[in-house]
């Protein structure tokens, strides 16, 4: 089904209808495959039914052993859209005319209080990720959270600490790790097929500005269906503007990513995907760079990272790829292709005894499998933390307009109080971590 056409059809036919909260309806065993029988089924709640959340909702509806029991959204039109999609899907699965078993919430806290919900999917703007994830972990929920992991570096570490403390299974939505092209690319690099790595190019082509800016938008009439105060949550108060939180009828991507109060620009949009692969290929899942220098228009043409082992990583906003360059060849990868020099490397076999990276071919099912085994998924919260830290470090260096030195063990800037003040931000009351 085309999600965009489905959304438009629902808007035209159903938005005028009111809907009441429905009591949970348990699907009969006959509606599920053998692997989906009660006891194995995982009840989830989806928090955020925007552009990305709608896509994830369909992904989870079509995942064996998953039952979407509830949706949460601060925009009522999007909320009822999500409810409609869930109930229409299960009505079709049951081969009956109606199904009324998807509860709706305007406040995530009410959803995570439910004892019958095992896990949550978080697809809200970045400034909400840490608060919702940590509260969900406290409530005993396993978590799938969209990338980038957090709004700040400090939040990312707080999320790791909460997930570990409450023994939760956390999958960061960096889905490129569950793509065989990216896995092979990183295995080629880690196993020395291109010799010693000298440099990495991370090129980010995105519809958002590269580095976030202060929001200077004016005021527009607030849609009646939107709880704007809840959308802002821990972010500073400001008037509503549709560029930040567009109505459901808008068919493009919302531009809250452009603004520092809510996100990190292109650096944390596509950057969160590509820096994650760069970290994976370099074997830096538990570490990171030690120095970051912003471009100066002279001797440093690009945002440049340096790792302790001497590898240099540059970032530009021209293409959309990751390019590893070694002493004996190159590996270039994006979602469309994997290229190597020499060309025959692309057909290389990773032999027994070589480094074999975590093999996942389905990001959602990997999370589900790990919920059952209580093991760490391919993009565990620690990996999400380290990857988003690389994104944030670039934004911080650009914001300060100077080189910064980073200690990836202490997760602090070295002898730099000004830079260390950027690690966290104040949150508006009552939203605290």
Foldseek 3Di string as FASTA:
>chain_A
DDLVVLLVVCVVPPQVDDDDFDAADDDDQVLADPCQGPVQAAEEEEEDQADVSVVVLVVQLPDHSYQDQEYEAQFVSSQVSSQVVNFVSSCVSVVHDTDRGYGYYHDLVVVLLDPRHAAYEYDAFQQCQLLSLLSSLVSNHAYEYEPLRHLFLVSLVVSVVSCVVSLHAYHYNLCVLLPVLLQLLLLCLQQQVQHPWAEKEAAFADPWDLFADADPDAADDDDPRGPVCVSCAFFDDDHDDCLQPNDSVDDDDRHVCRHSSGHTIRCGPLVLNRLLSVCSSVVNLQFAFFKWAADDVPPRNFTWTAHPVNYIYGYYHDDGWMWTHHPRKIWIDDPPDIAIVVRCSSVDDQDPVGDRADHHNDSVVQSSVCNVVSDHGNCGSSSSSRSVNVSVVSNLNVVVNGMWGADGVVRATDPDVVSRVRRDDGTDPPRDD
